[in-house]
Amino acid sequence: MHMSILEVLLLGLVVGAVARFVVPGRDPIGIIGTMALGVAGSFLGWWIGKGVVGHNGVASHPWIWAGIGAVLVVLAYRALAGIGYGRRYGRRFGRRLGSRW
């Protein structure tokens, strides 16, 4: 299956938006970031799916594997960016939690 660049970007936008909706919390990225997360997640999901169920299994359900990959990319992005930790707990790597530290 050959896709044009516009189709890949549209798929990435849809899959990225669904992945950001499925994973709770706020992300400070815009539409371009959502598109990038969706496209990266689609590639990751395709690669993982080919290893798990083979090429034919992934080709018959590409949206499912793209969604799984996009959710994994959103979770990895949040872990690397430090998003999801509230002010109550502070950030990582030595920031103060309160006035007694």
Protein backbone atom coordinates (compact mmCIF):
# COMPACT_ATOMS: atom_id res chain seq x y z
CA MET A 1 0.00 0.00 0.00
CA HIS A 2 1.53 3.29 -1.11
CA MET A 3 0.43 6.50 0.55
CA SER A 4 1.13 10.07 -0.38
CA ILE A 5 2.69 12.50 2.08
CA LEU A 6 -0.68 14.20 2.61
CA GLU A 7 -2.32 10.88 3.47
CA VAL A 8 0.47 10.02 5.93
CA LEU A 9 0.11 13.41 7.65
CA LEU A 10 -3.67 13.07 7.81
CA LEU A 11 -3.35 9.56 9.27
CA GLY A 12 -0.81 10.90 11.79
CA LEU A 13 -3.13 13.73 12.81
CA VAL A 14 -6.08 11.41 13.37
CA VAL A 15 -4.08 8.73 15.18
CA GLY A 16 -2.20 11.29 17.28
CA ALA A 17 -5.43 13.03 18.29
CA VAL A 18 -7.01 9.73 19.29
CA ALA A 19 -3.91 8.74 21.27
CA ARG A 20 -3.85 12.08 23.11
CA PHE A 21 -7.56 11.63 23.88
CA VAL A 22 -7.06 8.07 25.19
CA VAL A 23 -4.12 8.97 27.46
CA PRO A 24 -5.43 11.35 30.14
CA GLY A 25 -3.65 14.59 30.99
CA ARG A 26 -2.57 17.77 29.26
CA ASP A 27 0.10 18.06 26.59
CA PRO A 28 1.53 21.46 25.65
CA ILE A 29 1.93 20.57 21.97
CA GLY A 30 -0.02 21.85 19.02
CA ILE A 31 -1.35 20.33 15.85
CA ILE A 32 2.12 19.79 14.34
CA GLY A 33 3.28 17.95 17.47
CA THR A 34 0.14 15.82 17.44
CA MET A 35 0.79 14.98 13.81
CA ALA A 36 4.41 14.05 14.55
CA LEU A 37 3.40 11.86 17.49
CA GLY A 38 0.79 10.13 15.34
CA VAL A 39 3.15 9.46 12.44
CA ALA A 40 5.90 8.22 14.78
CA GLY A 41 3.35 6.06 16.59
CA SER A 42 2.11 4.61 13.33
CA PHE A 43 5.62 3.53 12.38
CA LEU A 44 6.25 2.15 15.86
CA GLY A 45 2.94 0.26 15.89
CA TRP A 46 3.60 -1.18 12.42
CA TRP A 47 7.06 -2.35 13.51
CA ILE A 48 5.80 -3.89 16.78
CA GLY A 49 2.82 -5.49 15.04
CA LYS A 50 4.98 -7.11 12.38
CA GLY A 51 7.07 -8.66 15.13
CA VAL A 52 4.05 -9.88 17.09
CA VAL A 53 1.49 -11.03 14.52
CA GLY A 54 3.36 -10.82 11.20
CA HIS A 55 2.88 -8.67 8.14
CA ASN A 56 -0.56 -9.99 7.18
CA GLY A 57 -2.00 -9.41 10.65
CA VAL A 58 -0.82 -5.81 10.68
CA ALA A 59 -1.95 -5.16 7.12
CA SER A 60 -5.48 -6.34 7.95
CA HIS A 61 -5.81 -3.98 10.97
CA PRO A 62 -3.45 -1.01 10.46
CA TRP A 63 -5.47 1.50 12.51
CA ILE A 64 -5.32 -0.67 15.63
CA TRP A 65 -1.54 -1.03 15.45
CA ALA A 66 -1.10 2.66 14.63
CA GLY A 67 -3.19 3.54 17.69
CA ILE A 68 -1.19 1.23 19.96
CA GLY A 69 2.05 2.72 18.70
CA ALA A 70 0.77 6.29 19.07
CA VAL A 71 -0.30 5.69 22.67
CA LEU A 72 3.17 4.30 23.41
CA VAL A 73 4.80 7.36 21.81
CA VAL A 74 2.58 9.72 23.83
CA LEU A 75 3.52 7.91 27.05
CA ALA A 76 7.21 8.00 26.13
CA TYR A 77 6.97 11.71 25.29
CA ARG A 78 5.41 12.46 28.64
CA ALA A 79 8.02 10.41 30.49
CA LEU A 80 10.91 12.13 28.72
CA ALA A 81 9.43 15.63 28.95
CA GLY A 82 8.46 15.25 32.62
CA ILE A 83 4.80 15.97 31.91
CA GLY A 84 2.24 14.50 34.27
CA TYR A 85 3.91 15.38 37.54
CA GLY A 86 1.86 17.97 39.32
CA ARG A 87 3.15 20.91 41.30
CA ARG A 88 2.32 19.01 44.44
CA TYR A 89 5.11 16.50 43.88
CA GLY A 90 7.57 18.76 42.09
CA ARG A 91 9.68 17.86 39.11
CA ARG A 92 12.55 15.44 38.92
CA PHE A 93 16.25 15.99 39.41
CA GLY A 94 16.60 18.03 42.57
CA ARG A 95 13.86 20.59 42.55
CA ARG A 96 12.60 21.56 45.96
CA LEU A 97 9.34 20.13 47.14
CA GLY A 98 8.65 22.64 49.87
CA SER A 99 10.20 25.20 52.12
CA ARG A 100 11.80 22.62 54.43
CA TRP A 101 14.37 21.25 51.98
